Amino acid sequence: MIEFGQSFTEVGELLIEFGELLIEFGESLIEFGESLIEFGESLIEFGESFTEFGESFTELGATFLGRRRIEFRQVLQVVVHEGWRKMLDWHSQRGLIFLQLGLRKIERLCY
């Protein structure tokens, strides 16, 4: 704190010290800003890779569903072709879908 009786030299030295502190503070703010920029860039890169993963996962899911649809059609064709369609209305089988009936029949035939 500057007191009334201090000389101009002392006041000047205090102002110089305060200026140096401000410069140090500014430099630390610049470093902090640069760190924030680097962090932001890392977040952007992570977001982009996460988006790419999501797109790949969506493609994988579509492929899986496409294969399941083909398998379902094949089982349905076997059920209809072999005349097992009438099994759908059996009391013990009621509510089963073609896929379940076909898979059960295939299981019985294979084992």
Protein backbone atom coordinates (compact mmCIF):
# COMPACT_ATOMS: atom_id res chain seq x y z
CA MET A 1 0.00 0.00 0.00
CA ILE A 2 1.32 3.44 -0.89
CA GLU A 3 1.70 5.75 2.10
CA PHE A 4 1.65 9.52 1.96
CA GLY A 5 5.35 10.08 2.69
CA GLN A 6 6.85 7.65 0.16
CA SER A 7 9.06 8.96 -2.56
CA PHE A 8 8.26 8.82 -6.24
CA THR A 9 10.98 6.21 -6.68
CA GLU A 10 9.23 3.81 -4.33
CA VAL A 11 5.92 4.45 -6.06
CA GLY A 12 7.58 3.76 -9.42
CA GLU A 13 9.05 0.50 -8.15
CA LEU A 14 5.64 -0.61 -6.88
CA LEU A 15 4.09 0.22 -10.23
CA ILE A 16 6.81 -1.78 -12.02
CA GLU A 17 6.18 -4.79 -9.75
CA PHE A 18 2.46 -4.50 -10.35
CA GLY A 19 3.06 -4.30 -14.12
CA GLU A 20 5.24 -7.44 -13.98
CA LEU A 21 2.52 -9.25 -12.05
CA LEU A 22 -0.01 -8.23 -14.68
CA ILE A 23 2.28 -9.53 -17.44
CA GLU A 24 2.70 -12.88 -15.61
CA PHE A 25 -1.03 -13.08 -15.11
CA GLY A 26 -1.62 -12.33 -18.80
CA GLU A 27 0.88 -15.01 -19.85
CA SER A 28 -0.81 -17.56 -17.61
CA LEU A 29 -4.16 -16.57 -19.14
CA ILE A 30 -2.68 -17.10 -22.61
CA GLU A 31 -1.41 -20.56 -21.57
CA PHE A 32 -4.82 -21.36 -20.11
CA GLY A 33 -6.49 -20.19 -23.32
CA GLU A 34 -4.17 -22.37 -25.40
CA SER A 35 -4.98 -25.33 -23.16
CA LEU A 36 -8.68 -24.67 -23.65
CA ILE A 37 -8.18 -24.55 -27.41
CA GLU A 38 -6.31 -27.88 -27.34
CA PHE A 39 -9.02 -29.40 -25.17
CA GLY A 40 -11.70 -28.15 -27.56
CA GLU A 41 -9.85 -29.63 -30.53
CA SER A 42 -9.57 -32.96 -28.69
CA LEU A 43 -13.31 -32.90 -28.01
CA ILE A 44 -13.99 -32.25 -31.69
CA GLU A 45 -11.76 -35.16 -32.72
CA PHE A 46 -13.44 -37.43 -30.16
CA GLY A 47 -16.87 -36.36 -31.39
CA GLU A 48 -15.90 -37.08 -34.99
CA SER A 49 -14.58 -40.55 -34.11
CA PHE A 50 -17.69 -41.23 -32.04
CA THR A 51 -19.85 -40.19 -35.00
CA GLU A 52 -17.89 -42.51 -37.30
CA PHE A 53 -18.37 -45.34 -34.79
CA GLY A 54 -22.11 -44.64 -34.71
CA GLU A 55 -22.31 -44.74 -38.49
CA SER A 56 -20.36 -48.02 -38.59
CA PHE A 57 -22.57 -49.50 -35.90
CA THR A 58 -25.68 -48.44 -37.83
CA GLU A 59 -24.33 -50.12 -40.97
CA LEU A 60 -23.58 -53.27 -38.97
CA GLY A 61 -27.11 -53.27 -37.55
CA ALA A 62 -28.62 -52.83 -41.01
CA THR A 63 -26.52 -55.72 -42.30
CA PHE A 64 -27.59 -57.91 -39.38
CA LEU A 65 -31.27 -57.06 -39.87
CA GLY A 66 -30.95 -57.75 -43.59
CA ARG A 67 -29.50 -61.19 -42.89
CA ARG A 68 -32.24 -61.90 -40.36
CA ARG A 69 -34.87 -60.93 -42.92
CA ILE A 70 -33.34 -63.35 -45.45
CA GLU A 71 -33.25 -66.14 -42.84
CA PHE A 72 -36.88 -65.45 -41.94
CA ARG A 73 -37.92 -65.64 -45.59
CA GLN A 74 -36.09 -68.94 -46.04
CA VAL A 75 -37.74 -70.46 -42.95
CA LEU A 76 -41.12 -69.14 -44.07
CA GLN A 77 -40.66 -70.69 -47.50
CA VAL A 78 -39.84 -74.06 -45.94
CA VAL A 79 -42.87 -73.88 -43.63
CA VAL A 80 -45.24 -73.02 -46.47
CA HIS A 81 -43.62 -75.40 -48.99
CA GLU A 82 -43.71 -78.39 -46.64
CA GLY A 83 -47.34 -77.81 -45.70
CA TRP A 84 -46.61 -77.01 -42.08
CA ARG A 85 -48.65 -73.83 -42.30
CA LYS A 86 -51.68 -75.59 -40.84
CA MET A 87 -49.62 -76.10 -37.66
CA LEU A 88 -50.10 -72.41 -36.91
CA ASP A 89 -53.60 -72.97 -35.57
CA TRP A 90 -52.86 -75.94 -33.32
CA HIS A 91 -53.94 -75.17 -29.83
CA SER A 92 -50.50 -76.01 -28.40
CA GLN A 93 -48.79 -74.00 -31.13
CA ARG A 94 -51.17 -71.00 -31.18
CA GLY A 95 -49.43 -67.67 -31.19
CA LEU A 96 -46.14 -68.94 -32.61
CA ILE A 97 -44.76 -67.14 -35.60
CA PHE A 98 -43.53 -68.88 -38.75
CA LEU A 99 -39.94 -68.36 -37.68
CA GLN A 100 -40.45 -70.14 -34.35
CA LEU A 101 -42.27 -73.03 -36.02
CA GLY A 102 -39.63 -73.33 -38.72
CA LEU A 103 -36.76 -73.23 -36.25
CA ARG A 104 -38.41 -75.90 -34.08
CA LYS A 105 -38.93 -78.14 -37.12
CA ILE A 106 -35.36 -77.65 -38.26
CA GLU A 107 -34.16 -78.45 -34.75
CA ARG A 108 -36.20 -81.68 -34.72
CA LEU A 109 -34.86 -82.69 -38.12
CA CYS A 110 -31.22 -81.99 -37.23
CA TYR A 111 -31.08 -83.72 -33.86
